[in-house]
Protein backbone atom coordinates (compact mmCIF):
# COMPACT_ATOMS: atom_id res chain seq x y z
CA MET A 1 -17.41 -22.05 23.81
CA THR A 2 -20.90 -24.61 23.24
CA GLU A 3 -24.04 -24.46 21.17
CA THR A 4 -26.41 -24.04 24.49
CA THR A 5 -24.13 -20.95 25.54
CA THR A 6 -23.51 -18.94 22.41
CA THR A 7 -24.24 -15.43 22.20
CA ARG A 8 -26.99 -16.64 19.68
CA THR A 9 -28.78 -19.52 21.74
CA ARG A 10 -29.08 -16.31 24.87
CA GLY A 11 -31.40 -14.50 23.15
CA ARG A 12 -29.10 -11.01 22.33
CA ARG A 13 -29.37 -10.07 18.95
CA ILE A 14 -25.44 -8.91 17.71
CA PRO A 15 -25.29 -6.20 15.21
CA PHE A 16 -22.64 -6.55 12.73
CA SER A 17 -21.48 -4.89 9.39
CA PHE A 18 -18.98 -5.44 6.53
CA GLU A 19 -15.99 -3.82 5.10
CA LEU A 20 -16.52 -4.18 0.95
CA TYR A 21 -13.68 -1.96 -2.00
CA PRO A 22 -14.61 -1.52 -5.41
CA PRO A 23 -13.98 -4.20 -7.97
CA LYS A 24 -11.31 -3.26 -10.33
CA SER A 25 -13.05 -5.66 -13.21
CA GLU A 26 -16.15 -6.67 -15.26
CA ALA A 27 -15.59 -10.27 -13.61
CA ALA A 28 -15.03 -8.90 -10.01
CA SER A 29 -18.08 -6.62 -10.55
CA THR A 30 -19.82 -9.85 -11.62
CA ALA A 31 -18.90 -12.14 -8.54
CA LEU A 32 -18.65 -8.99 -6.39
CA THR A 33 -22.87 -8.63 -6.60
CA HIS A 34 -23.21 -12.74 -5.53
CA THR A 35 -20.93 -11.76 -2.40
CA ILE A 36 -23.17 -8.71 -1.43
CA ASP A 37 -26.09 -10.46 -2.04
CA ARG A 38 -25.22 -13.33 0.39
CA LEU A 39 -23.74 -11.16 3.04
CA ALA A 40 -27.09 -8.85 2.88
CA ALA A 41 -28.79 -12.03 3.59
CA ALA A 42 -26.60 -12.91 6.91
CA GLY A 43 -28.49 -9.28 8.05
CA PRO A 44 -25.90 -7.10 8.24
CA ASP A 45 -26.21 -3.40 9.71
CA PHE A 46 -24.76 -2.35 7.09
CA ILE A 47 -21.84 -2.65 4.52
CA SER A 48 -19.31 -0.14 4.14
CA VAL A 49 -17.73 0.21 0.62
CA THR A 50 -13.98 2.00 0.59
CA TYR A 51 -13.20 5.11 -1.59
CA GLY A 52 -9.29 5.53 -2.92
CA ALA A 53 -7.39 8.37 -2.30
CA ASN A 54 -7.62 10.81 -4.43
CA GLY A 55 -11.06 9.40 -6.12
CA SER A 56 -9.76 7.10 -7.62
CA SER A 57 -12.70 4.28 -7.41
CA ARG A 58 -15.32 7.35 -7.32
CA THR A 59 -17.35 5.63 -9.68
CA SER A 60 -16.92 1.91 -8.70
CA SER A 61 -17.52 3.27 -5.12
CA LEU A 62 -21.39 4.61 -6.03
CA ASP A 63 -21.87 1.93 -8.40
CA VAL A 64 -21.27 -1.27 -5.48
CA LEU A 65 -23.36 1.72 -3.09
CA ARG A 66 -25.88 2.02 -5.90
CA TYR A 67 -26.60 -1.97 -5.66
CA ILE A 68 -26.14 -2.02 -2.32
CA LEU A 69 -29.01 0.47 -2.15
CA ASP A 70 -31.22 -1.04 -5.22
CA ALA A 71 -31.00 -5.09 -4.76
CA THR A 72 -31.05 -5.50 -1.13
CA GLY A 73 -32.36 -4.02 2.00
CA VAL A 74 -29.03 -2.67 3.69
CA ASP A 75 -27.71 0.46 4.52
CA PRO A 76 -24.40 1.40 2.31
CA MET A 77 -21.64 2.92 4.16
CA ALA A 78 -19.40 4.77 1.75
CA HIS A 79 -16.25 5.82 3.01
CA LEU A 80 -14.81 9.60 2.29
CA THR A 81 -11.47 10.86 2.97
CA CYS A 82 -9.95 14.41 3.15
CA VAL A 83 -6.95 13.33 1.08
CA GLY A 84 -6.66 15.45 -1.70
CA SER A 85 -9.79 17.52 -2.17
CA SER A 86 -10.78 20.88 -2.10
CA ALA A 87 -13.43 21.70 0.22
CA ALA A 88 -16.14 22.62 -2.71
CA GLU A 89 -14.75 19.00 -4.47
CA ALA A 90 -15.29 16.87 -1.14
CA SER A 91 -18.88 18.77 -0.78
CA ARG A 92 -19.64 17.76 -4.39
CA LEU A 93 -19.19 14.37 -3.98
CA ILE A 94 -20.94 14.05 -0.48
CA ARG A 95 -23.90 15.31 -2.38
CA GLU A 96 -24.20 12.71 -4.60
CA PHE A 97 -23.83 9.97 -2.57
CA LEU A 98 -26.89 11.58 -0.50
CA ASP A 99 -28.92 12.89 -4.20
CA ALA A 100 -27.90 8.84 -4.78
CA GLY A 101 -29.39 7.57 -1.14
CA VAL A 102 -26.74 7.20 1.01
CA ARG A 103 -26.85 7.98 4.41
CA SER A 104 -24.43 6.75 6.16
CA PHE A 105 -20.77 7.73 5.79
CA LEU A 106 -17.42 6.93 7.28
CA ALA A 107 -15.45 9.76 7.53
CA LEU A 108 -11.35 9.19 7.18
CA ARG A 109 -8.09 11.65 7.35
CA GLY A 110 -6.85 9.44 4.67
CA ASP A 111 -3.34 8.37 4.66
CA PRO A 112 -0.42 10.33 1.76
CA PRO A 113 -0.84 8.55 -1.65
CA GLN A 114 1.84 7.06 -2.98
CA GLY A 115 5.21 8.36 -2.98
CA VAL A 116 4.31 11.05 -0.99
CA ASP A 117 5.72 11.77 2.19
CA GLU A 118 3.75 12.26 5.70
CA GLY A 119 5.36 15.72 5.99
CA GLU A 120 4.20 17.11 2.32
CA THR A 121 0.90 18.52 1.53
CA PHE A 122 -1.38 16.10 0.52
CA LEU A 123 -4.84 16.84 2.46
CA GLY A 124 -6.65 19.27 0.39
CA ASP A 125 -8.83 22.47 1.93
CA LEU A 126 -9.71 19.46 4.85
CA GLY A 127 -7.01 19.09 7.94
CA SER A 128 -8.70 16.00 9.60
CA ALA A 129 -11.72 13.97 9.92
CA ALA A 130 -13.42 15.83 12.26
CA GLU A 131 -13.67 18.56 9.78
CA LEU A 132 -14.87 16.42 7.48
CA VAL A 133 -17.38 15.50 9.50
CA GLN A 134 -18.36 18.66 9.84
CA LEU A 135 -18.76 19.31 6.16
CA ILE A 136 -21.27 15.57 5.74
CA HIS A 137 -23.66 17.42 8.59
CA ARG A 138 -23.50 20.60 6.60
CA VAL A 139 -24.00 19.64 3.30
CA GLN A 140 -26.85 17.63 4.34
CA ALA A 141 -28.12 20.45 5.82
CA GLU A 142 -27.89 22.78 3.01
CA ARG A 143 -29.84 19.89 0.45
CA VAL A 144 -32.42 19.89 3.11
CA PRO A 145 -32.86 22.47 4.80
CA TYR A 146 -36.10 20.92 6.17
CA ARG A 147 -39.48 19.20 5.05
CA GLU A 148 -42.79 19.20 4.34
CA THR A 149 -45.81 16.48 5.93
CA VAL A 150 -49.26 16.40 5.21
CA ILE A 151 -51.66 17.85 7.34
CA PRO A 152 -54.81 15.35 8.03
CA GLY A 153 -58.01 16.24 7.26
CA LEU A 154 -56.53 19.61 5.23
CA PRO A 155 -56.38 19.04 1.34
CA GLY A 156 -53.60 20.64 -0.15
CA ALA A 157 -52.12 22.09 3.65
CA ARG A 158 -48.84 21.06 4.22
CA ALA A 159 -46.37 21.77 7.41
CA VAL A 160 -43.19 22.69 7.52
CA LYS A 161 -40.79 20.42 9.83
CA THR A 162 -37.62 21.93 10.78
CA GLU A 163 -35.83 18.82 11.82
CA ARG A 164 -33.63 16.86 9.34
CA GLU A 165 -33.13 13.96 7.83
CA LYS A 166 -30.28 12.11 10.18
CA VAL A 167 -27.21 10.98 8.64
CA ARG A 168 -25.14 8.16 10.42
CA ILE A 169 -21.33 9.35 10.07
CA ALA A 170 -18.74 6.87 11.88
CA VAL A 171 -14.81 7.45 12.46
CA ALA A 172 -11.78 5.34 12.61
CA ALA A 173 -10.60 4.68 15.97
CA PHE A 174 -7.17 3.53 16.90
CA PRO A 175 -7.00 0.69 19.99
CA ASN A 176 -3.24 0.71 20.00
CA GLY A 177 -2.79 4.16 18.72
CA HIS A 178 -2.36 5.79 16.06
CA PRO A 179 1.04 5.43 13.84
CA ARG A 180 1.34 9.58 14.95
CA SER A 181 0.20 9.72 17.82
CA ARG A 182 2.23 10.70 20.60
CA SER A 183 0.04 9.43 23.27
CA THR A 184 -2.62 6.68 24.03
CA SER A 185 -4.68 10.66 25.35
CA GLN A 186 -4.03 11.90 21.83
CA ASP A 187 -5.95 9.10 20.17
CA ILE A 188 -9.18 9.24 22.72
CA ASP A 189 -8.68 13.58 22.35
CA THR A 190 -8.70 12.95 18.53
CA LEU A 191 -11.82 10.78 19.10
CA LEU A 192 -13.27 13.61 21.27
CA ALA A 193 -12.77 16.09 18.95
CA LYS A 194 -14.63 13.98 15.92
CA GLN A 195 -17.74 13.32 18.94
CA ALA A 196 -17.40 16.86 19.37
CA ALA A 197 -17.30 17.14 15.50
CA GLY A 198 -21.35 15.59 15.21
CA ALA A 199 -19.66 11.67 14.85
CA ASN A 200 -22.25 9.02 15.72
CA LEU A 201 -20.54 6.00 15.50
CA ALA A 202 -16.46 4.80 15.74
CA ILE A 203 -14.76 1.36 13.96
CA THR A 204 -11.39 0.43 15.07
CA GLN A 205 -8.54 -0.53 13.73
CA LEU A 206 -8.17 -4.42 13.04
CA PHE A 207 -6.07 -5.80 16.44
CA PHE A 208 -5.42 -9.18 17.39
CA HIS A 209 -6.08 -9.00 21.06
CA ALA A 210 -9.47 -8.52 22.99
CA ASP A 211 -8.20 -6.76 26.09
CA HIS A 212 -6.60 -3.81 23.64
CA TYR A 213 -10.06 -3.22 22.39
CA LEU A 214 -11.34 -3.35 26.01
CA SER A 215 -8.93 -1.76 27.80
CA PHE A 216 -9.51 1.37 25.15
CA ILE A 217 -13.30 1.02 25.43
CA HIS A 218 -12.77 1.92 28.66
CA ARG A 219 -10.52 4.54 28.75
CA ALA A 220 -12.23 6.01 26.24
CA ARG A 221 -15.74 6.30 27.85
CA GLU A 222 -13.75 7.64 31.24
CA ALA A 223 -12.98 10.37 28.77
CA GLY A 224 -16.41 11.20 27.82
CA VAL A 225 -16.95 9.24 23.97
CA GLU A 226 -20.36 8.43 24.42
CA PHE A 227 -20.99 6.48 20.94
CA PRO A 228 -20.66 3.21 19.57
CA ILE A 229 -17.03 1.72 18.89
CA LEU A 230 -17.71 -0.96 17.01
CA PRO A 231 -14.65 -3.35 17.26
CA GLY A 232 -12.76 -4.29 13.53
CA ILE A 233 -11.83 -8.15 13.45
CA MET A 234 -10.16 -9.40 9.75
CA PRO A 235 -9.43 -13.27 9.64
CA VAL A 236 -5.98 -13.47 9.02
CA THR A 237 -5.76 -16.99 6.79
CA SER A 238 -2.47 -16.45 5.14
CA PRO A 239 1.39 -16.01 6.44
CA ASN A 240 1.83 -13.59 3.58
CA ARG A 241 -2.01 -11.45 4.47
CA LEU A 242 -0.42 -10.87 8.41
CA ARG A 243 2.28 -9.83 7.03
CA ARG A 244 1.48 -7.05 4.81
CA ILE A 245 -1.40 -6.37 7.15
CA LEU A 246 1.44 -6.11 9.81
CA GLU A 247 3.48 -3.88 7.17
CA LEU A 248 0.67 -1.28 6.65
CA SER A 249 -0.91 -1.11 10.51
CA GLY A 250 2.40 -1.43 12.65
CA GLU A 251 0.67 -3.54 14.98
CA GLU A 252 2.97 -6.01 16.77
CA GLU A 253 3.00 -9.31 15.47
CA PRO A 254 0.82 -12.03 16.93
CA ALA A 255 3.46 -14.63 18.04
CA ASP A 256 0.87 -17.42 18.43
CA LEU A 257 -1.18 -16.54 15.21
CA SER A 258 1.86 -16.10 13.17
CA ILE A 259 3.31 -19.67 14.60
CA GLN A 260 0.39 -21.38 13.46
CA LEU A 261 -0.41 -20.03 10.08
CA GLN A 262 3.64 -20.62 8.90
CA VAL A 263 3.31 -24.22 9.35
CA GLU A 264 0.40 -25.12 8.83
CA PRO A 265 1.60 -26.11 5.29
CA THR A 266 -2.25 -26.05 3.34
CA GLU A 267 -4.82 -23.16 2.62
CA GLN A 268 -7.37 -25.04 4.88
CA GLY A 269 -5.65 -25.34 7.03
CA GLN A 270 -4.03 -21.82 6.91
CA ARG A 271 -8.23 -20.64 6.64
CA GLU A 272 -9.60 -23.08 9.70
CA ILE A 273 -6.51 -21.19 11.84
CA GLY A 274 -7.57 -17.49 10.84
CA ILE A 275 -11.46 -18.38 11.25
CA THR A 276 -11.10 -19.82 14.81
CA HIS A 277 -8.33 -17.15 15.65
CA ALA A 278 -11.16 -14.39 14.72
CA VAL A 279 -14.07 -16.56 16.48
CA GLY A 280 -12.12 -16.76 19.85
CA LEU A 281 -11.26 -13.02 19.08
CA ALA A 282 -15.65 -12.00 18.57
CA ARG A 283 -16.31 -14.16 21.12
CA GLU A 284 -14.71 -12.43 23.57
CA LEU A 285 -15.15 -9.06 22.09
CA ILE A 286 -19.09 -9.83 23.02
CA ALA A 287 -18.70 -11.59 26.49
CA GLY A 288 -16.50 -8.30 27.48
CA GLY A 289 -19.83 -5.87 25.68
CA ALA A 290 -18.95 -4.97 22.07
CA PRO A 291 -21.86 -3.34 20.81
CA GLY A 292 -20.99 -4.99 17.80
CA LEU A 293 -18.70 -6.57 15.03
CA HIS A 294 -17.61 -5.31 11.92
CA LEU A 295 -15.77 -7.39 9.50
CA TYR A 296 -13.65 -6.57 6.58
CA ALA A 297 -14.65 -9.46 4.56
CA PHE A 298 -11.84 -8.34 1.45
CA ASN A 299 -14.60 -8.89 -1.17
CA GLN A 300 -15.04 -12.78 -0.23
CA HIS A 301 -18.11 -14.18 1.86
CA GLU A 302 -17.71 -17.71 2.82
CA THR A 303 -14.58 -17.00 5.71
CA VAL A 304 -16.69 -13.76 7.50
CA LEU A 305 -19.82 -15.49 7.14
CA ALA A 306 -18.08 -18.69 8.96
CA VAL A 307 -16.84 -16.36 12.15
CA LEU A 308 -20.04 -15.23 12.54
CA GLU A 309 -21.48 -18.42 13.14
CA GLY A 310 -18.69 -19.76 14.53
CA CYS A 311 -19.34 -16.99 17.31
CA GLY A 312 -23.40 -17.35 17.43
CA ALA A 313 -24.02 -14.13 15.76
CA LEU A 314 -25.11 -15.13 12.14
CA PRO A 315 -28.84 -15.24 13.18
CA ALA A 316 -30.33 -19.17 13.86
CA SER A 317 -33.85 -17.50 11.91
CA SER A 318 -32.18 -16.20 8.40
CA PRO A 319 -33.86 -17.46 5.81
CA HIS A 320 -30.50 -18.00 4.06
CA ALA A 321 -28.08 -18.45 7.31
CA ALA A 322 -27.86 -22.45 6.59
CA THR A 323 -27.60 -22.02 2.95
CA GLN A 324 -25.02 -19.74 3.58
CA ILE A 325 -22.82 -22.16 6.17
CA LYS A 326 -23.15 -24.85 4.06
CA ALA A 327 -21.43 -23.08 1.34
CA ALA A 328 -19.09 -21.84 3.25
CA GLN A 329 -17.91 -25.82 3.83
CA ARG A 330 -18.12 -26.43 0.77
CA THR A 331 -15.72 -23.18 -0.75
CA ALA A 332 -13.31 -24.21 2.61
CA HIS A 333 -10.83 -25.15 -0.08
CA ARG A 334 -10.92 -21.82 -1.74
CA PRO A 335 -8.04 -19.09 -1.12
CA THR A 336 -9.11 -15.74 -0.46
CA SER A 337 -7.77 -12.61 -1.93
CA THR A 338 -4.65 -10.58 -0.39
CA GLY A 339 -4.75 -8.26 -3.18
CA HIS A 340 -6.86 -5.21 -0.97
CA THR A 341 -5.59 -3.11 1.98
CA HIS A 342 -7.74 -0.52 2.63
CA PRO A 343 -8.75 -1.35 6.01
CA VAL A 344 -5.86 -1.40 7.90
CA LYS A 345 -4.13 1.62 6.08
CA GLU A 346 -6.73 4.27 6.35
CA SER A 347 -6.01 7.25 8.64
CA ALA A 348 -7.83 9.26 11.46
């Protein structure tokens, strides 16, 4: 695809967003603020921040969300799971996020903690992402039951408005089926239940072929799913990362990509292969009508910005776009982290 036929030059703005995870050290925290600044300058719709099972990253997740709120103009999205929390504990956490200024959430059922089998009790009071969606709405309604507005021309007078501030609540979607689902129809039914509970956005589990997403969207729309479903894209820049992703997600191995990564001897070459694959996937998705792109960034900005530039989604008018692309090219030799796996691990 040439520059004259990219989505950018056709005049259509392609919304995009990123996922990050909380840092585990002081040095990682400093690096992450730089990454957030670079990602925010690209103009994403939101940046989501993962949340460890049983609240293992509660403080650091909130710190990252607050930095996004205070230092950028980007909407931060907080991840929440059902794992190990009572309804009261989950309500307190939701209220804490709301009080900090967070108005976007990703509601997930969550996976069993390490060492706990699926058949064992691990969820707490909330048994599904749909129940968590309902709880978020309920906490928001209780926290702000109404709001007052000034009546022009009447000093001191206030009018009460009962409509509440809206929150964005995203949920997970699985184009190739959730590992625990019995059929594709069950996956669609689960998504419909989340919609009925009040979800207004979905983000998919990663996949490697555009037709997996496009066929899933067709089935979902036919069944009555109405909210936008963002495709989740993870640039795979090494054989080890691909292997780990497949272990966690249960996805089928993408043979062509796997072979290319294995035969390429250099880290830079592997990185370029991963970016090229992600760019091609993103272009197909955009051409097929995807409402945007959600990129799992692994707390690095160079690779995901290169993908956005390659598919024409990075705004040319962005004041920092050229700088970001040059920086991505200069640092192409830098290997990316393979230590975090939440994007492909969290359950519906």
